[in-house]
Amino acid sequence: MPLIPWLRWNEAPPRLSARNPAEMVLETLMMELAGQMREAERQQRERSNAVRKICTGVDYSWLASTPRPTYDLSPGERLQLEDVCAKIHPSYCGPAILRFRQLMAELEPEVQEVARLFRSVLQEVLERMKQEEEAHKLTRQWSLRPRGSLGTFKTRARISPFASDIRTISEDVERDTPPPPRAWSMPEFRAPKED
């Protein structure tokens, strides 16, 4: 038994290198894609085994060893997906993964369709990022706008409920004075005066 692992017990644990957040997002999303592809392939294999068992009436699954993955992304397709993943902001990485998992559970796609589904989720997230960035720019422009246009608008007439120069209808009735003429948009109706 070698003693070298025992002699390293007092060394500091290896520190994680400070990586670029974009690299971490890229790695996380690509790992999620690979995991979902493996899961889709496993489900596809189980479905085909179930169909074979129904057709033949015999189950030989206990004899079979776990097969190697049969489907893999082409290098060009992988580079395209990595390019799209690199554009995703770290704060959108979690929602992108959740949306991808949700669609995988709903649709249960074949292995060949997983990459296309993943690309559509990434495009959705990029569109949402773009919309929120534009909305943020508009609100920032509005808040940085000079206050001269709407900020200097002040009401010039102040209304005081206790001012004596404001006439009311009840004052006119109490004083037995004729009410002031109505606004010219309203017709004036007066009862004939009795002498």
N, C-alpha and C. Protein backbone atom coordinates (compact mmCIF):
# COMPACT_ATOMS: atom_id res chain seq x y z
N MET A 1 0.86 -1.19 0.00
CA MET A 1 0.00 0.00 0.00
C MET A 1 0.89 1.23 0.00
N PRO A 2 0.73 2.11 -0.98
CA PRO A 2 1.58 3.29 -1.05
C PRO A 2 1.22 4.30 0.03
N LEU A 3 2.21 4.98 0.54
CA LEU A 3 2.01 5.96 1.60
C LEU A 3 1.86 7.39 1.07
N ILE A 4 2.01 7.59 -0.22
CA ILE A 4 1.97 8.93 -0.77
C ILE A 4 0.63 9.62 -0.50
N PRO A 5 -0.53 8.95 -0.69
CA PRO A 5 -1.78 9.64 -0.37
C PRO A 5 -1.87 10.03 1.10
N TRP A 6 -1.26 9.26 1.99
CA TRP A 6 -1.34 9.57 3.41
C TRP A 6 -0.44 10.74 3.76
N LEU A 7 0.60 10.96 3.02
CA LEU A 7 1.52 12.04 3.33
C LEU A 7 1.00 13.40 2.88
N ARG A 8 -0.01 13.41 2.07
CA ARG A 8 -0.54 14.67 1.57
C ARG A 8 -1.70 15.20 2.41
N TRP A 9 -1.94 14.66 3.53
CA TRP A 9 -3.10 15.05 4.33
C TRP A 9 -3.02 16.48 4.83
N ASN A 10 -1.80 17.02 5.01
CA ASN A 10 -1.71 18.38 5.53
C ASN A 10 -1.65 19.43 4.43
N GLU A 11 -1.66 19.03 3.19
CA GLU A 11 -1.66 20.01 2.12
C GLU A 11 -3.06 20.62 1.99
N ALA A 12 -3.09 21.83 1.49
CA ALA A 12 -4.37 22.49 1.27
C ALA A 12 -5.11 21.79 0.14
N PRO A 13 -6.43 21.72 0.24
CA PRO A 13 -7.18 21.07 -0.84
C PRO A 13 -7.01 21.86 -2.14
N PRO A 14 -7.06 21.19 -3.25
CA PRO A 14 -6.89 21.91 -4.52
C PRO A 14 -8.00 22.93 -4.70
N ARG A 15 -7.62 24.13 -5.03
CA ARG A 15 -8.59 25.21 -5.19
C ARG A 15 -9.13 25.20 -6.60
N LEU A 16 -10.37 25.52 -6.69
CA LEU A 16 -10.98 25.62 -8.00
C LEU A 16 -10.46 26.88 -8.68
N SER A 17 -10.09 26.75 -9.90
CA SER A 17 -9.58 27.91 -10.61
C SER A 17 -10.72 28.88 -10.87
N ALA A 18 -10.40 30.14 -10.80
CA ALA A 18 -11.40 31.16 -11.06
C ALA A 18 -11.66 31.18 -12.56
N ARG A 19 -12.81 30.61 -12.93
CA ARG A 19 -13.12 30.53 -14.34
C ARG A 19 -14.07 31.64 -14.73
N ASN A 20 -14.09 31.89 -15.98
CA ASN A 20 -14.99 32.87 -16.55
C ASN A 20 -16.43 32.36 -16.39
N PRO A 21 -17.37 33.21 -15.95
CA PRO A 21 -18.77 32.76 -15.81
C PRO A 21 -19.35 32.22 -17.12
N ALA A 22 -18.94 32.78 -18.25
CA ALA A 22 -19.46 32.29 -19.53
C ALA A 22 -19.01 30.85 -19.78
N GLU A 23 -17.78 30.53 -19.38
CA GLU A 23 -17.29 29.16 -19.54
C GLU A 23 -18.07 28.20 -18.64
N MET A 24 -18.38 28.65 -17.43
CA MET A 24 -19.14 27.81 -16.52
C MET A 24 -20.55 27.56 -17.05
N VAL A 25 -21.18 28.60 -17.62
CA VAL A 25 -22.51 28.44 -18.20
C VAL A 25 -22.45 27.47 -19.37
N LEU A 26 -21.44 27.64 -20.22
CA LEU A 26 -21.27 26.76 -21.37
C LEU A 26 -21.12 25.31 -20.92
N GLU A 27 -20.26 25.09 -19.95
CA GLU A 27 -20.02 23.72 -19.46
C GLU A 27 -21.28 23.13 -18.82
N THR A 28 -21.97 23.94 -18.04
CA THR A 28 -23.19 23.46 -17.36
C THR A 28 -24.27 23.08 -18.37
N LEU A 29 -24.49 23.95 -19.36
CA LEU A 29 -25.53 23.67 -20.35
C LEU A 29 -25.18 22.45 -21.21
N MET A 30 -23.91 22.33 -21.59
CA MET A 30 -23.52 21.18 -22.41
C MET A 30 -23.59 19.87 -21.60
N MET A 31 -23.28 19.94 -20.30
CA MET A 31 -23.42 18.75 -19.46
C MET A 31 -24.89 18.35 -19.34
N GLU A 32 -25.76 19.35 -19.24
CA GLU A 32 -27.20 19.08 -19.17
C GLU A 32 -27.66 18.41 -20.47
N LEU A 33 -27.19 18.91 -21.60
CA LEU A 33 -27.57 18.32 -22.89
C LEU A 33 -27.10 16.87 -22.97
N ALA A 34 -25.85 16.62 -22.56
CA ALA A 34 -25.33 15.25 -22.62
C ALA A 34 -26.13 14.32 -21.70
N GLY A 35 -26.46 14.79 -20.52
CA GLY A 35 -27.25 13.98 -19.59
C GLY A 35 -28.64 13.68 -20.12
N GLN A 36 -29.28 14.68 -20.72
CA GLN A 36 -30.62 14.47 -21.26
C GLN A 36 -30.58 13.54 -22.47
N MET A 37 -29.50 13.61 -23.25
CA MET A 37 -29.37 12.70 -24.39
C MET A 37 -29.21 11.26 -23.91
N ARG A 38 -28.41 11.05 -22.86
CA ARG A 38 -28.26 9.71 -22.30
C ARG A 38 -29.60 9.19 -21.78
N GLU A 39 -30.33 10.06 -21.10
CA GLU A 39 -31.63 9.65 -20.55
C GLU A 39 -32.61 9.33 -21.67
N ALA A 40 -32.63 10.14 -22.73
CA ALA A 40 -33.54 9.88 -23.85
C ALA A 40 -33.18 8.57 -24.53
N GLU A 41 -31.88 8.29 -24.64
CA GLU A 41 -31.46 7.04 -25.26
C GLU A 41 -31.85 5.84 -24.39
N ARG A 42 -31.73 5.99 -23.08
CA ARG A 42 -32.13 4.92 -22.17
C ARG A 42 -33.62 4.64 -22.29
N GLN A 43 -34.41 5.72 -22.32
CA GLN A 43 -35.86 5.54 -22.45
C GLN A 43 -36.23 4.92 -23.79
N GLN A 44 -35.53 5.32 -24.83
CA GLN A 44 -35.79 4.76 -26.14
C GLN A 44 -35.45 3.27 -26.15
N ARG A 45 -34.36 2.89 -25.51
CA ARG A 45 -33.96 1.49 -25.42
C ARG A 45 -35.00 0.69 -24.64
N GLU A 46 -35.50 1.27 -23.53
CA GLU A 46 -36.51 0.59 -22.73
C GLU A 46 -37.80 0.38 -23.52
N ARG A 47 -38.18 1.39 -24.29
CA ARG A 47 -39.40 1.25 -25.11
C ARG A 47 -39.23 0.15 -26.15
N SER A 48 -38.06 0.14 -26.80
CA SER A 48 -37.85 -0.90 -27.83
C SER A 48 -37.79 -2.29 -27.19
N ASN A 49 -37.20 -2.41 -25.99
CA ASN A 49 -37.18 -3.70 -25.29
C ASN A 49 -38.58 -4.14 -24.91
N ALA A 50 -39.41 -3.19 -24.49
CA ALA A 50 -40.79 -3.54 -24.12
C ALA A 50 -41.57 -4.02 -25.33
N VAL A 51 -41.36 -3.35 -26.47
CA VAL A 51 -42.05 -3.77 -27.70
C VAL A 51 -41.56 -5.16 -28.11
N ARG A 52 -40.24 -5.40 -28.03
CA ARG A 52 -39.68 -6.69 -28.40
C ARG A 52 -40.21 -7.78 -27.47
N LYS A 53 -40.34 -7.47 -26.19
CA LYS A 53 -40.84 -8.45 -25.22
C LYS A 53 -42.29 -8.81 -25.53
N ILE A 54 -43.06 -7.79 -25.91
CA ILE A 54 -44.47 -8.06 -26.24
C ILE A 54 -44.56 -8.91 -27.51
N CYS A 55 -43.70 -8.59 -28.50
CA CYS A 55 -43.75 -9.32 -29.77
C CYS A 55 -43.27 -10.77 -29.62
N THR A 56 -42.18 -10.98 -28.89
CA THR A 56 -41.60 -12.32 -28.78
C THR A 56 -42.13 -13.09 -27.59
N GLY A 57 -42.55 -12.39 -26.56
CA GLY A 57 -43.04 -13.05 -25.36
C GLY A 57 -41.93 -13.51 -24.44
N VAL A 58 -40.68 -13.17 -24.75
CA VAL A 58 -39.54 -13.61 -23.95
C VAL A 58 -38.72 -12.37 -23.58
N ASP A 59 -38.23 -12.34 -22.34
CA ASP A 59 -37.42 -11.22 -21.88
C ASP A 59 -35.97 -11.67 -21.72
N TYR A 60 -35.12 -11.15 -22.60
CA TYR A 60 -33.69 -11.46 -22.50
C TYR A 60 -32.89 -10.26 -22.02
N SER A 61 -33.55 -9.30 -21.41
CA SER A 61 -32.86 -8.07 -21.00
C SER A 61 -31.81 -8.36 -19.92
N TRP A 62 -32.00 -9.40 -19.16
CA TRP A 62 -31.03 -9.71 -18.11
C TRP A 62 -29.71 -10.21 -18.69
N LEU A 63 -29.74 -10.67 -19.94
CA LEU A 63 -28.53 -11.14 -20.59
C LEU A 63 -27.71 -9.99 -21.18
N ALA A 64 -28.38 -8.94 -21.54
CA ALA A 64 -27.71 -7.84 -22.25
C ALA A 64 -26.93 -6.97 -21.29
N SER A 65 -25.76 -6.58 -21.68
CA SER A 65 -24.99 -5.62 -20.90
C SER A 65 -25.40 -4.22 -21.34
N THR A 66 -25.03 -3.24 -20.55
CA THR A 66 -25.40 -1.87 -20.88
C THR A 66 -24.68 -1.44 -22.15
N PRO A 67 -25.43 -1.12 -23.20
CA PRO A 67 -24.79 -0.75 -24.46
C PRO A 67 -24.19 0.65 -24.40
N ARG A 68 -23.22 0.85 -25.25
CA ARG A 68 -22.62 2.18 -25.34
C ARG A 68 -23.57 3.10 -26.08
N PRO A 69 -23.46 4.40 -25.85
CA PRO A 69 -24.35 5.33 -26.56
C PRO A 69 -24.18 5.19 -28.07
N THR A 70 -25.30 5.18 -28.75
CA THR A 70 -25.25 5.02 -30.19
C THR A 70 -25.34 6.34 -30.93
N TYR A 71 -25.85 7.36 -30.27
CA TYR A 71 -26.01 8.65 -30.95
C TYR A 71 -25.10 9.68 -30.28
N ASP A 72 -24.39 10.43 -31.09
CA ASP A 72 -23.55 11.50 -30.57
C ASP A 72 -23.67 12.69 -31.52
N LEU A 73 -23.44 13.88 -30.99
CA LEU A 73 -23.51 15.08 -31.81
C LEU A 73 -22.33 15.13 -32.77
N SER A 74 -22.58 15.67 -33.95
CA SER A 74 -21.47 15.88 -34.88
C SER A 74 -20.64 17.06 -34.36
N PRO A 75 -19.35 17.12 -34.71
CA PRO A 75 -18.52 18.23 -34.22
C PRO A 75 -19.06 19.61 -34.62
N GLY A 76 -19.59 19.72 -35.82
CA GLY A 76 -20.15 21.00 -36.26
C GLY A 76 -21.36 21.41 -35.44
N GLU A 77 -22.23 20.44 -35.18
CA GLU A 77 -23.43 20.72 -34.38
C GLU A 77 -23.04 21.08 -32.94
N ARG A 78 -22.05 20.38 -32.40
CA ARG A 78 -21.57 20.68 -31.05
C ARG A 78 -21.01 22.10 -30.97
N LEU A 79 -20.23 22.50 -31.97
CA LEU A 79 -19.68 23.86 -31.97
C LEU A 79 -20.76 24.91 -32.07
N GLN A 80 -21.79 24.66 -32.88
CA GLN A 80 -22.89 25.61 -33.00
C GLN A 80 -23.63 25.75 -31.67
N LEU A 81 -23.88 24.62 -31.01
CA LEU A 81 -24.57 24.68 -29.72
C LEU A 81 -23.70 25.38 -28.67
N GLU A 82 -22.41 25.12 -28.68
CA GLU A 82 -21.52 25.78 -27.73
C GLU A 82 -21.48 27.28 -27.98
N ASP A 83 -21.55 27.69 -29.24
CA ASP A 83 -21.57 29.11 -29.57
C ASP A 83 -22.83 29.78 -29.01
N VAL A 84 -23.96 29.11 -29.13
CA VAL A 84 -25.21 29.66 -28.60
C VAL A 84 -25.17 29.67 -27.07
N CYS A 85 -24.64 28.60 -26.47
CA CYS A 85 -24.56 28.53 -25.01
C CYS A 85 -23.68 29.64 -24.44
N ALA A 86 -22.64 30.02 -25.17
CA ALA A 86 -21.73 31.05 -24.68
C ALA A 86 -22.41 32.42 -24.62
N LYS A 87 -23.50 32.60 -25.35
CA LYS A 87 -24.22 33.88 -25.35
C LYS A 87 -25.19 34.01 -24.18
N ILE A 88 -25.47 32.91 -23.50
CA ILE A 88 -26.43 32.93 -22.41
C ILE A 88 -25.80 33.58 -21.18
N HIS A 89 -26.50 34.52 -20.59
CA HIS A 89 -26.04 35.19 -19.36
C HIS A 89 -26.18 34.21 -18.20
N PRO A 90 -25.26 34.25 -17.23
CA PRO A 90 -25.33 33.30 -16.11
C PRO A 90 -26.66 33.29 -15.36
N SER A 91 -27.32 34.43 -15.27
CA SER A 91 -28.59 34.46 -14.54
C SER A 91 -29.71 33.74 -15.28
N TYR A 92 -29.53 33.46 -16.57
CA TYR A 92 -30.55 32.76 -17.36
C TYR A 92 -30.23 31.27 -17.50
N CYS A 93 -29.11 30.82 -16.96
CA CYS A 93 -28.70 29.43 -17.10
C CYS A 93 -29.70 28.50 -16.40
N GLY A 94 -30.05 28.79 -15.17
CA GLY A 94 -31.00 27.97 -14.42
C GLY A 94 -32.36 27.88 -15.08
N PRO A 95 -32.97 29.03 -15.45
CA PRO A 95 -34.26 28.95 -16.13
C PRO A 95 -34.19 28.19 -17.46
N ALA A 96 -33.06 28.29 -18.17
CA ALA A 96 -32.92 27.56 -19.43
C ALA A 96 -32.93 26.05 -19.16
N ILE A 97 -32.21 25.63 -18.14
CA ILE A 97 -32.17 24.20 -17.80
C ILE A 97 -33.55 23.71 -17.37
N LEU A 98 -34.24 24.49 -16.55
CA LEU A 98 -35.58 24.10 -16.11
C LEU A 98 -36.55 23.98 -17.27
N ARG A 99 -36.48 24.93 -18.20
CA ARG A 99 -37.37 24.88 -19.37
C ARG A 99 -37.05 23.66 -20.23
N PHE A 100 -35.76 23.36 -20.40
CA PHE A 100 -35.35 22.21 -21.20
C PHE A 100 -35.84 20.92 -20.56
N ARG A 101 -35.69 20.80 -19.25
CA ARG A 101 -36.16 19.60 -18.55
C ARG A 101 -37.68 19.46 -18.65
N GLN A 102 -38.37 20.59 -18.55
CA GLN A 102 -39.83 20.56 -18.65
C GLN A 102 -40.27 20.05 -20.03
N LEU A 103 -39.63 20.57 -21.08
CA LEU A 103 -39.99 20.13 -22.43
C LEU A 103 -39.62 18.66 -22.66
N MET A 104 -38.50 18.23 -22.09
CA MET A 104 -38.10 16.83 -22.22
C MET A 104 -39.13 15.92 -21.56
N ALA A 105 -39.63 16.33 -20.39
CA ALA A 105 -40.62 15.51 -19.68
C ALA A 105 -41.95 15.49 -20.43
N GLU A 106 -42.33 16.63 -21.03
CA GLU A 106 -43.60 16.71 -21.73
C GLU A 106 -43.58 15.95 -23.05
N LEU A 107 -42.51 16.14 -23.82
CA LEU A 107 -42.48 15.62 -25.19
C LEU A 107 -41.89 14.22 -25.32
N GLU A 108 -41.01 13.85 -24.39
CA GLU A 108 -40.28 12.58 -24.45
C GLU A 108 -39.75 12.33 -25.87
N PRO A 109 -38.83 13.18 -26.33
CA PRO A 109 -38.36 13.08 -27.72
C PRO A 109 -37.38 11.92 -27.91
N GLU A 110 -37.18 11.56 -29.17
CA GLU A 110 -36.16 10.58 -29.53
C GLU A 110 -34.79 11.23 -29.34
N VAL A 111 -33.76 10.43 -29.28
CA VAL A 111 -32.41 10.95 -29.04
C VAL A 111 -32.00 11.95 -30.11
N GLN A 112 -32.37 11.70 -31.35
CA GLN A 112 -31.97 12.58 -32.44
C GLN A 112 -32.64 13.96 -32.34
N GLU A 113 -33.75 14.06 -31.64
CA GLU A 113 -34.49 15.32 -31.53
C GLU A 113 -34.07 16.16 -30.33
N VAL A 114 -33.27 15.60 -29.44
CA VAL A 114 -32.92 16.30 -28.20
C VAL A 114 -32.11 17.57 -28.50
N ALA A 115 -31.13 17.47 -29.41
CA ALA A 115 -30.30 18.64 -29.72
C ALA A 115 -31.13 19.76 -30.33
N ARG A 116 -32.09 19.42 -31.19
CA ARG A 116 -32.95 20.43 -31.80
C ARG A 116 -33.82 21.10 -30.74
N LEU A 117 -34.34 20.32 -29.80
CA LEU A 117 -35.14 20.86 -28.71
C LEU A 117 -34.30 21.78 -27.83
N PHE A 118 -33.07 21.35 -27.56
CA PHE A 118 -32.16 22.16 -26.75
C PHE A 118 -31.87 23.49 -27.43
N ARG A 119 -31.65 23.46 -28.73
CA ARG A 119 -31.38 24.69 -29.47
C ARG A 119 -32.58 25.63 -29.42
N SER A 120 -33.80 25.08 -29.51
CA SER A 120 -35.00 25.94 -29.46
C SER A 120 -35.14 26.59 -28.09
N VAL A 121 -34.80 25.86 -27.03
CA VAL A 121 -34.86 26.44 -25.68
C VAL A 121 -33.85 27.57 -25.55
N LEU A 122 -32.64 27.36 -26.08
CA LEU A 122 -31.61 28.40 -26.01
C LEU A 122 -32.04 29.64 -26.80
N GLN A 123 -32.69 29.44 -27.95
CA GLN A 123 -33.17 30.58 -28.73
C GLN A 123 -34.25 31.34 -27.97
N GLU A 124 -35.13 30.61 -27.29
CA GLU A 124 -36.15 31.24 -26.44
C GLU A 124 -35.51 32.13 -25.38
N VAL A 125 -34.50 31.58 -24.73
CA VAL A 125 -33.83 32.31 -23.65
C VAL A 125 -33.12 33.55 -24.20
N LEU A 126 -32.49 33.42 -25.36
CA LEU A 126 -31.82 34.58 -25.97
C LEU A 126 -32.83 35.66 -26.32
N GLU A 127 -34.00 35.28 -26.83
CA GLU A 127 -35.04 36.26 -27.14
C GLU A 127 -35.53 36.97 -25.88
N ARG A 128 -35.73 36.19 -24.81
CA ARG A 128 -36.16 36.79 -23.55
C ARG A 128 -35.10 37.75 -23.01
N MET A 129 -33.83 37.35 -23.12
CA MET A 129 -32.74 38.23 -22.68
C MET A 129 -32.76 39.54 -23.46
N LYS A 130 -32.97 39.44 -24.77
CA LYS A 130 -32.98 40.62 -25.63
C LYS A 130 -34.14 41.54 -25.27
N GLN A 131 -35.33 40.95 -25.04
CA GLN A 131 -36.49 41.76 -24.68
C GLN A 131 -36.29 42.47 -23.35
N GLU A 132 -35.76 41.75 -22.36
CA GLU A 132 -35.56 42.36 -21.05
C GLU A 132 -34.47 43.42 -21.10
N GLU A 133 -33.47 43.22 -21.93
CA GLU A 133 -32.42 44.23 -22.06
C GLU A 133 -32.97 45.50 -22.70
N GLU A 134 -33.83 45.35 -23.72
CA GLU A 134 -34.44 46.52 -24.35
C GLU A 134 -35.36 47.25 -23.37
N ALA A 135 -36.12 46.50 -22.59
CA ALA A 135 -36.99 47.13 -21.60
C ALA A 135 -36.17 47.86 -20.55
N HIS A 136 -35.05 47.27 -20.16
CA HIS A 136 -34.17 47.91 -19.17
C HIS A 136 -33.57 49.18 -19.75
N LYS A 137 -33.20 49.17 -21.02
CA LYS A 137 -32.66 50.38 -21.65
C LYS A 137 -33.69 51.48 -21.68
N LEU A 138 -34.95 51.11 -21.99
CA LEU A 138 -36.01 52.13 -22.04
C LEU A 138 -36.25 52.74 -20.67
N THR A 139 -36.29 51.93 -19.63
CA THR A 139 -36.51 52.48 -18.30
C THR A 139 -35.32 53.31 -17.85
N ARG A 140 -34.13 52.90 -18.24
CA ARG A 140 -32.95 53.68 -17.86
C ARG A 140 -32.96 55.01 -18.59
N GLN A 141 -33.35 55.01 -19.88
CA GLN A 141 -33.42 56.27 -20.62
C GLN A 141 -34.48 57.17 -20.02
N TRP A 142 -35.59 56.59 -19.60
CA TRP A 142 -36.65 57.40 -19.01
C TRP A 142 -36.20 58.02 -17.69
N SER A 143 -35.46 57.25 -16.88
CA SER A 143 -35.02 57.78 -15.60
C SER A 143 -33.92 58.80 -15.75
N LEU A 144 -33.14 58.71 -16.83
CA LEU A 144 -32.06 59.67 -17.06
C LEU A 144 -32.50 60.88 -17.87
N ARG A 145 -33.76 60.92 -18.25
CA ARG A 145 -34.29 62.01 -19.05
C ARG A 145 -34.24 63.31 -18.26
N PRO A 146 -33.92 64.44 -18.91
CA PRO A 146 -33.90 65.72 -18.18
C PRO A 146 -35.28 66.05 -17.63
N ARG A 147 -35.28 66.64 -16.50
CA ARG A 147 -36.54 66.90 -15.79
C ARG A 147 -37.28 68.12 -16.34
N GLY A 148 -36.76 68.77 -17.34
CA GLY A 148 -37.37 69.98 -17.87
C GLY A 148 -38.71 69.75 -18.52
N SER A 149 -38.93 68.61 -19.13
CA SER A 149 -40.16 68.43 -19.89
C SER A 149 -41.37 68.19 -18.99
N LEU A 150 -41.29 67.21 -18.12
CA LEU A 150 -42.43 66.94 -17.24
C LEU A 150 -42.12 67.28 -15.79
N GLY A 151 -40.88 67.41 -15.46
CA GLY A 151 -40.51 67.65 -14.07
C GLY A 151 -40.86 69.06 -13.60
N THR A 152 -40.88 70.04 -14.51
CA THR A 152 -41.16 71.42 -14.10
C THR A 152 -42.65 71.74 -14.16
N PHE A 153 -43.45 70.79 -14.57
CA PHE A 153 -44.89 71.02 -14.64
C PHE A 153 -45.44 71.11 -13.23
N LYS A 154 -46.00 72.26 -12.92
CA LYS A 154 -46.62 72.45 -11.61
C LYS A 154 -47.98 73.10 -11.83
N THR A 155 -48.87 72.79 -10.95
CA THR A 155 -50.18 73.42 -11.07
C THR A 155 -50.07 74.86 -10.60
N ARG A 156 -50.65 75.75 -11.36
CA ARG A 156 -50.57 77.17 -11.01
C ARG A 156 -51.76 77.60 -10.17
N ALA A 157 -52.87 76.98 -10.34
CA ALA A 157 -54.05 77.35 -9.56
C ALA A 157 -54.17 76.39 -8.38
N ARG A 158 -54.24 76.97 -7.24
CA ARG A 158 -54.40 76.15 -6.04
C ARG A 158 -55.84 76.32 -5.56
N ILE A 159 -56.40 75.23 -5.15
CA ILE A 159 -57.78 75.26 -4.69
C ILE A 159 -57.77 75.14 -3.18
N SER A 160 -58.42 76.10 -2.56
CA SER A 160 -58.53 76.08 -1.11
C SER A 160 -60.00 75.95 -0.77
N PRO A 161 -60.37 74.96 -0.01
CA PRO A 161 -61.80 74.76 0.26
C PRO A 161 -62.41 75.83 1.16
N PHE A 162 -61.59 76.60 1.83
CA PHE A 162 -62.13 77.59 2.75
C PHE A 162 -62.04 79.01 2.21
N ALA A 163 -61.74 79.16 0.95
CA ALA A 163 -61.64 80.50 0.37
C ALA A 163 -63.04 81.11 0.25
N SER A 164 -63.13 82.39 0.54
CA SER A 164 -64.44 83.04 0.54
C SER A 164 -64.84 83.51 -0.84
N ASP A 165 -63.93 83.57 -1.77
CA ASP A 165 -64.29 84.08 -3.09
C ASP A 165 -64.88 82.99 -4.00
N ILE A 166 -64.95 81.78 -3.53
CA ILE A 166 -65.56 80.71 -4.32
C ILE A 166 -67.03 80.67 -3.95
N ARG A 167 -67.85 80.85 -4.96
CA ARG A 167 -69.28 80.88 -4.72
C ARG A 167 -69.86 79.48 -4.89
N THR A 168 -70.79 79.14 -4.06
CA THR A 168 -71.48 77.87 -4.14
C THR A 168 -72.96 78.11 -4.36
N ILE A 169 -73.65 77.08 -4.76
CA ILE A 169 -75.09 77.20 -5.00
C ILE A 169 -75.83 77.44 -3.70
N SER A 170 -75.38 76.82 -2.63
CA SER A 170 -76.08 77.00 -1.37
C SER A 170 -75.98 78.44 -0.87
N GLU A 171 -74.90 79.13 -1.15
CA GLU A 171 -74.79 80.55 -0.76
C GLU A 171 -75.80 81.38 -1.52
N ASP A 172 -75.96 81.04 -2.80
CA ASP A 172 -76.91 81.80 -3.61
C ASP A 172 -78.34 81.60 -3.10
N VAL A 173 -78.68 80.43 -2.66
CA VAL A 173 -80.02 80.16 -2.16
C VAL A 173 -80.23 80.90 -0.85
N GLU A 174 -79.24 80.91 -0.01
CA GLU A 174 -79.36 81.58 1.29
C GLU A 174 -79.50 83.09 1.12
N ARG A 175 -78.86 83.67 0.14
CA ARG A 175 -78.89 85.12 -0.06
C ARG A 175 -80.03 85.58 -0.95
N ASP A 176 -80.76 84.67 -1.52
CA ASP A 176 -81.82 84.99 -2.48
C ASP A 176 -81.30 85.79 -3.66
N THR A 177 -80.10 85.47 -4.08
CA THR A 177 -79.57 86.13 -5.28
C THR A 177 -79.65 85.14 -6.42
N PRO A 178 -79.82 85.66 -7.62
CA PRO A 178 -79.90 84.72 -8.74
C PRO A 178 -78.54 84.01 -8.93
N PRO A 179 -78.59 82.78 -9.28
CA PRO A 179 -77.34 82.06 -9.49
C PRO A 179 -76.60 82.62 -10.70
N PRO A 180 -75.33 82.43 -10.72
CA PRO A 180 -74.58 82.94 -11.88
C PRO A 180 -75.00 82.17 -13.14
N PRO A 181 -74.83 82.79 -14.28
CA PRO A 181 -75.23 82.10 -15.51
C PRO A 181 -74.43 80.80 -15.68
N ARG A 182 -75.11 79.85 -16.24
CA ARG A 182 -74.47 78.54 -16.42
C ARG A 182 -73.37 78.65 -17.48
N ALA A 183 -72.58 77.59 -17.52
CA ALA A 183 -71.54 77.55 -18.54
C ALA A 183 -72.19 77.56 -19.91
N TRP A 184 -71.54 78.12 -20.89
CA TRP A 184 -72.18 78.29 -22.19
C TRP A 184 -72.37 76.98 -22.92
N SER A 185 -71.85 75.88 -22.40
CA SER A 185 -72.13 74.61 -23.05
C SER A 185 -73.48 74.05 -22.61
N MET A 186 -74.03 74.62 -21.54
CA MET A 186 -75.32 74.15 -21.03
C MET A 186 -76.38 75.21 -21.32
N PRO A 187 -77.56 74.79 -21.76
CA PRO A 187 -78.63 75.79 -21.97
C PRO A 187 -79.13 76.32 -20.63
N GLU A 188 -79.61 77.53 -20.65
CA GLU A 188 -80.08 78.14 -19.43
C GLU A 188 -81.60 78.03 -19.37
N PHE A 189 -82.07 77.38 -18.33
CA PHE A 189 -83.50 77.22 -18.13
C PHE A 189 -83.90 78.06 -16.93
N ARG A 190 -84.83 78.98 -17.16
CA ARG A 190 -85.31 79.81 -16.05
C ARG A 190 -86.84 79.78 -16.03
N ALA A 191 -87.29 79.74 -14.83
CA ALA A 191 -88.75 79.78 -14.69
C ALA A 191 -89.19 81.24 -14.86
N PRO A 192 -90.37 81.45 -15.46
CA PRO A 192 -90.83 82.84 -15.60
C PRO A 192 -91.08 83.46 -14.22
N LYS A 193 -90.70 84.71 -14.08
CA LYS A 193 -90.85 85.41 -12.82
C LYS A 193 -92.31 85.82 -12.60
N GLU A 194 -92.77 85.60 -11.42
CA GLU A 194 -94.12 86.01 -11.09
C GLU A 194 -94.06 87.34 -10.40
N ASP A 195 -94.91 88.23 -10.79
CA ASP A 195 -94.92 89.57 -10.19
C ASP A 195 -95.86 89.68 -9.06
